[in-house]
Amino acid sequence: METTLIQYLIICPLVFIAGFIDAIAGGGGLITLPAYMIAGLPAHNAIATNKMGSTMGTTAATIKYAKDGYINWKHCALAALTALAGSTLGSNLALILSDEVFSIIMACILPLTAIYVLTHKSFESTKEPFSEWKTIIICAIIAFFIGIYDGFYGPGTGTFLLLLLTGLARVTLDEAAGTTKVINLTTNVTALTVFLINGKVILPLGLAAGVFSIAGNWLGASAYSKKGIKFARPLIIVVLAIFLVKLIVGFIGN
């Protein structure tokens, strides 16, 4: 498929902004996927090419979080494997289930999630941390189910991971941020591989967007390391609000 200069001018700046947000609070796909659609790409090409850019950006953010010491590899190893399995299953579910089913589920979950974010002064768990093995198992279970979601639908994956890892697995916000990147990178690579095999990725546009995504993600990860929760909380709330509006508009449009 041939691309035009205007498509690059629409997509690349928005991918940069999305990368910055995604590195801190997740939800970058809420910006990037519509950008590809606005630029006139067919749905399958938009999803596939978007996945290439987000994979490149998430790789940069993961490296930055690893350098800053936010990744507990003992907790991430099994989670990466279950995320891989979940993403594969989710991709196959997408072939037999409609997105309307997931949209209805998310429309119910999002307001509850927003209430949780607004009523908790800190994402840091006030409860006693679990034992290492229990933490590993819970992280792996979370990764599996979020992997299914990411393979089937996608937007908001990082945000939900942050909330679940801090709320259910009782890990610190810093560790949750690092673990989120490892899991998200795994699911992105899995989906991107499928799209590349099927020839759905527009490589020149995907690579160009990927460069902007890397820049945005790296700056976002750097901002997180300096400001942490001061950046994470408001961005998570904004991402959830945008996601809910997007779902409502989708319902009205149907």
Protein backbone atom coordinates (compact mmCIF):
# COMPACT_ATOMS: atom_id res chain seq x y z
CA MET A 1 0.00 0.00 0.00
CA GLU A 2 1.33 3.44 -0.96
CA THR A 3 1.55 6.15 1.69
CA THR A 4 1.54 9.93 1.45
CA LEU A 5 3.45 12.68 3.24
CA ILE A 6 0.29 13.91 4.96
CA GLN A 7 -0.16 10.48 6.54
CA TYR A 8 3.31 10.72 8.08
CA LEU A 9 2.57 14.27 9.28
CA ILE A 10 -0.64 13.12 10.98
CA ILE A 11 0.63 9.89 12.49
CA CYS A 12 4.20 10.55 13.65
CA PRO A 13 3.59 13.52 16.00
CA LEU A 14 0.61 11.75 17.61
CA VAL A 15 2.66 8.59 18.02
CA PHE A 16 5.32 10.63 19.85
CA ILE A 17 2.74 12.07 22.27
CA ALA A 18 1.16 8.65 22.76
CA GLY A 19 4.56 7.11 23.46
CA PHE A 20 5.22 9.64 26.23
CA ILE A 21 1.86 8.90 27.87
CA ASP A 22 2.14 5.16 27.35
CA ALA A 23 5.53 4.94 29.06
CA ILE A 24 4.06 6.46 32.23
CA ALA A 25 0.46 5.30 32.47
CA GLY A 26 -0.31 3.07 29.50
CA GLY A 27 -3.12 3.74 27.06
CA GLY A 28 -1.05 5.08 24.17
CA GLY A 29 -3.09 2.98 21.77
CA LEU A 30 -6.08 5.20 22.48
CA ILE A 31 -4.23 7.93 20.58
CA THR A 32 -2.20 6.04 17.98
CA LEU A 33 -4.85 3.72 16.55
CA PRO A 34 -7.30 6.56 15.81
CA ALA A 35 -4.38 8.48 14.26
CA TYR A 36 -3.82 5.70 11.72
CA MET A 37 -7.54 5.53 10.98
CA ILE A 38 -7.79 9.33 10.56
CA ALA A 39 -4.86 9.13 8.14
CA GLY A 40 -6.94 6.84 5.96
CA LEU A 41 -5.37 3.43 6.52
CA PRO A 42 -7.63 0.36 6.22
CA ALA A 43 -8.48 -1.17 9.60
CA HIS A 44 -6.23 -4.22 9.39
CA ASN A 45 -3.25 -2.21 8.13
CA ALA A 46 -3.84 0.43 10.81
CA ILE A 47 -3.88 -2.13 13.63
CA ALA A 48 -0.84 -3.99 12.29
CA THR A 49 1.28 -0.91 11.54
CA ASN A 50 0.33 0.61 14.90
CA LYS A 51 1.55 -2.56 16.59
CA MET A 52 4.96 -2.17 14.96
CA GLY A 53 5.39 1.38 16.25
CA SER A 54 4.16 0.51 19.72
CA THR A 55 6.47 -2.52 19.89
CA MET A 56 9.50 -0.37 19.07
CA GLY A 57 8.46 2.26 21.61
CA THR A 58 7.70 -0.26 24.34
CA THR A 59 11.12 -1.81 23.75
CA ALA A 60 12.75 1.57 24.45
CA ALA A 61 10.66 2.12 27.58
CA THR A 62 11.44 -1.40 28.84
CA ILE A 63 15.18 -0.82 28.40
CA LYS A 64 14.92 2.51 30.28
CA TYR A 65 12.97 0.97 33.17
CA ALA A 66 15.47 -1.90 33.34
CA LYS A 67 18.38 0.57 33.50
CA ASP A 68 16.61 2.45 36.29
CA GLY A 69 16.18 -0.78 38.27
CA TYR A 70 12.38 -0.97 38.13
CA ILE A 71 12.17 -4.51 36.71
CA ASN A 72 12.16 -7.51 39.04
CA TRP A 73 13.10 -10.23 36.59
CA LYS A 74 12.13 -13.03 39.00
CA HIS A 75 8.56 -11.73 39.00
CA CYS A 76 8.54 -11.03 35.25
CA ALA A 77 9.86 -14.28 33.77
CA LEU A 78 6.77 -16.43 34.30
CA ALA A 79 4.48 -13.44 33.64
CA ALA A 80 6.08 -12.98 30.20
CA LEU A 81 5.33 -16.61 29.32
CA THR A 82 1.71 -16.42 30.46
CA ALA A 83 1.32 -13.09 28.64
CA LEU A 84 2.53 -14.81 25.48
CA ALA A 85 -0.03 -17.58 25.92
CA GLY A 86 -2.80 -15.11 26.73
CA SER A 87 -2.03 -12.88 23.75
CA THR A 88 -2.07 -15.87 21.42
CA LEU A 89 -5.43 -16.99 22.82
CA GLY A 90 -6.83 -13.46 22.61
CA SER A 91 -5.84 -13.14 18.97
CA ASN A 92 -7.71 -16.34 18.16
CA LEU A 93 -10.75 -15.25 20.19
CA ALA A 94 -10.87 -12.09 18.09
CA LEU A 95 -11.62 -14.28 15.09
CA ILE A 96 -14.79 -15.75 16.64
CA LEU A 97 -16.10 -13.03 19.00
CA SER A 98 -17.20 -9.49 18.18
CA ASP A 99 -15.58 -6.45 19.75
CA GLU A 100 -19.03 -5.40 20.95
CA VAL A 101 -18.84 -8.10 23.62
CA PHE A 102 -15.60 -6.68 25.00
CA SER A 103 -16.87 -3.11 24.64
CA ILE A 104 -19.86 -3.89 26.86
CA ILE A 105 -17.58 -5.49 29.46
CA MET A 106 -15.19 -2.54 29.40
CA ALA A 107 -18.04 -0.01 29.67
CA CYS A 108 -18.95 -1.70 32.97
CA ILE A 109 -15.39 -2.00 34.25
CA LEU A 110 -14.10 1.49 33.41
CA PRO A 111 -16.29 3.50 35.81
CA LEU A 112 -15.33 1.12 38.64
CA THR A 113 -11.67 1.48 37.72
CA ALA A 114 -11.94 5.28 37.69
CA ILE A 115 -13.57 5.22 41.15
CA TYR A 116 -10.70 3.06 42.41
CA VAL A 117 -8.09 5.49 41.06
CA LEU A 118 -9.86 8.55 42.48
CA THR A 119 -10.49 7.10 45.95
CA HIS A 120 -7.00 5.70 46.55
CA LYS A 121 -4.51 8.34 47.58
CA SER A 122 -1.61 6.16 46.51
CA PHE A 123 -1.11 3.24 44.17
CA GLU A 124 1.33 1.82 46.67
CA SER A 125 -0.33 -1.08 48.49
CA THR A 126 -0.84 -0.48 52.20
CA LYS A 127 -1.12 -4.22 52.78
CA GLU A 128 1.68 -6.62 53.66
CA PRO A 129 3.50 -7.80 50.50
CA PHE A 130 2.95 -11.40 49.50
CA SER A 131 5.71 -13.98 49.58
CA GLU A 132 7.92 -14.04 46.49
CA TRP A 133 6.33 -17.18 45.01
CA LYS A 134 2.79 -15.92 45.63
CA THR A 135 3.71 -12.62 43.97
CA ILE A 136 5.13 -14.48 40.98
CA ILE A 137 1.98 -16.58 40.58
CA ILE A 138 -0.38 -13.61 40.90
CA CYS A 139 1.66 -11.58 38.40
CA ALA A 140 1.56 -14.53 36.00
CA ILE A 141 -2.22 -14.87 36.31
CA ILE A 142 -2.70 -11.14 35.73
CA ALA A 143 -0.39 -11.29 32.70
CA PHE A 144 -2.37 -14.18 31.21
CA PHE A 145 -5.76 -12.48 31.38
CA ILE A 146 -4.45 -9.06 30.33
CA GLY A 147 -2.59 -10.85 27.54
CA ILE A 148 -5.93 -12.20 26.31
CA TYR A 149 -7.37 -8.69 26.42
CA ASP A 150 -4.38 -7.20 24.59
CA GLY A 151 -4.50 -9.87 21.90
CA PHE A 152 -8.24 -9.41 21.42
CA TYR A 153 -8.66 -5.63 21.86
CA GLY A 154 -5.62 -3.81 23.23
CA PRO A 155 -6.07 -0.13 24.18
CA GLY A 156 -5.52 0.60 27.87
CA THR A 157 -3.48 -2.56 28.50
CA GLY A 158 -0.68 -0.77 30.34
CA THR A 159 -3.11 1.17 32.51
CA PHE A 160 -4.95 -1.97 33.61
CA LEU A 161 -1.67 -3.75 34.31
CA LEU A 162 -0.52 -0.93 36.59
CA LEU A 163 -3.77 -1.02 38.54
CA LEU A 164 -3.90 -4.81 38.88
CA LEU A 165 -0.24 -5.29 39.76
CA THR A 166 -0.37 -2.69 42.53
CA GLY A 167 -3.86 -3.63 43.72
CA LEU A 168 -3.87 -7.43 43.50
CA ALA A 169 -0.20 -8.46 43.44
CA ARG A 170 0.73 -5.83 46.05
CA VAL A 171 3.94 -4.81 44.28
CA THR A 172 5.28 -1.27 44.49
CA LEU A 173 4.32 1.26 41.82
CA ASP A 174 7.91 1.30 40.55
CA GLU A 175 8.01 -2.49 40.15
CA ALA A 176 4.52 -2.49 38.62
CA ALA A 177 5.69 0.07 36.04
CA GLY A 178 8.64 -2.13 35.08
CA THR A 179 6.63 -5.37 35.05
CA THR A 180 3.97 -3.69 32.92
CA LYS A 181 6.54 -2.91 30.25
CA VAL A 182 7.87 -6.47 30.15
CA ILE A 183 4.37 -7.95 29.83
CA ASN A 184 3.25 -5.36 27.29
CA LEU A 185 6.36 -5.87 25.19
CA THR A 186 5.71 -9.62 25.14
CA THR A 187 2.11 -9.22 23.95
CA ASN A 188 3.12 -6.61 21.36
CA VAL A 189 5.85 -8.80 19.87
CA THR A 190 3.45 -11.75 19.71
CA ALA A 191 0.80 -9.78 17.82
CA LEU A 192 3.35 -8.03 15.57
CA THR A 193 4.79 -11.40 14.52
CA VAL A 194 1.34 -12.56 13.41
CA PHE A 195 0.74 -9.34 11.44
CA LEU A 196 4.16 -9.49 9.76
CA ILE A 197 3.62 -13.10 8.72
CA ASN A 198 0.29 -12.13 7.17
CA GLY A 199 1.74 -9.08 5.38
CA LYS A 200 -0.47 -6.50 7.09
CA VAL A 201 2.29 -4.11 8.28
CA ILE A 202 3.16 -1.08 6.12
CA LEU A 203 6.88 -1.25 6.88
CA PRO A 204 8.13 2.29 5.90
CA LEU A 205 5.33 3.98 7.87
CA GLY A 206 5.66 1.54 10.76
CA LEU A 207 9.42 2.12 11.04
CA ALA A 208 9.05 5.91 10.86
CA ALA A 209 6.31 5.88 13.50
CA GLY A 210 8.45 3.53 15.56
CA VAL A 211 11.26 6.10 15.72
CA PHE A 212 8.83 8.70 17.08
CA SER A 213 7.40 6.13 19.47
CA ILE A 214 10.88 5.31 20.78
CA ALA A 215 11.55 9.03 21.43
CA GLY A 216 8.22 9.51 23.20
CA ASN A 217 8.55 6.36 25.29
CA TRP A 218 12.12 7.16 26.33
CA LEU A 219 11.19 10.68 27.44
CA GLY A 220 8.10 9.38 29.21
CA ALA A 221 10.09 6.73 31.06
CA SER A 222 12.62 9.39 32.04
CA ALA A 223 9.84 11.66 33.30
CA TYR A 224 8.41 8.79 35.35
CA SER A 225 11.76 8.11 37.01
CA LYS A 226 11.84 11.75 38.14
CA LYS A 227 8.18 12.34 39.05
CA GLY A 228 6.70 8.85 39.46
CA ILE A 229 3.18 8.90 40.85
CA LYS A 230 2.79 12.67 40.30
CA PHE A 231 2.70 11.90 36.58
CA ALA A 232 1.08 8.47 36.73
CA ARG A 233 -2.15 9.29 38.60
CA PRO A 234 -3.51 12.18 36.46
CA LEU A 235 -2.50 10.45 33.22
CA ILE A 236 -4.22 7.22 34.24
CA ILE A 237 -7.42 9.14 35.00
CA VAL A 238 -7.23 10.94 31.64
CA VAL A 239 -6.62 7.67 29.79
CA LEU A 240 -9.59 6.00 31.49
CA ALA A 241 -11.83 8.98 30.67
CA ILE A 242 -10.80 8.97 27.00
CA PHE A 243 -11.31 5.22 26.82
CA LEU A 244 -14.82 5.47 28.31
CA VAL A 245 -15.79 8.28 25.93
CA LYS A 246 -14.46 6.24 23.01
CA LEU A 247 -16.62 3.28 24.03
CA ILE A 248 -19.73 5.42 24.46
CA VAL A 249 -19.23 7.03 21.05
CA GLY A 250 -18.80 3.56 19.60
CA PHE A 251 -22.10 2.43 21.10
CA ILE A 252 -23.91 5.52 19.78
CA GLY A 253 -22.37 5.04 16.35
CA ASN A 254 -23.65 1.48 16.22
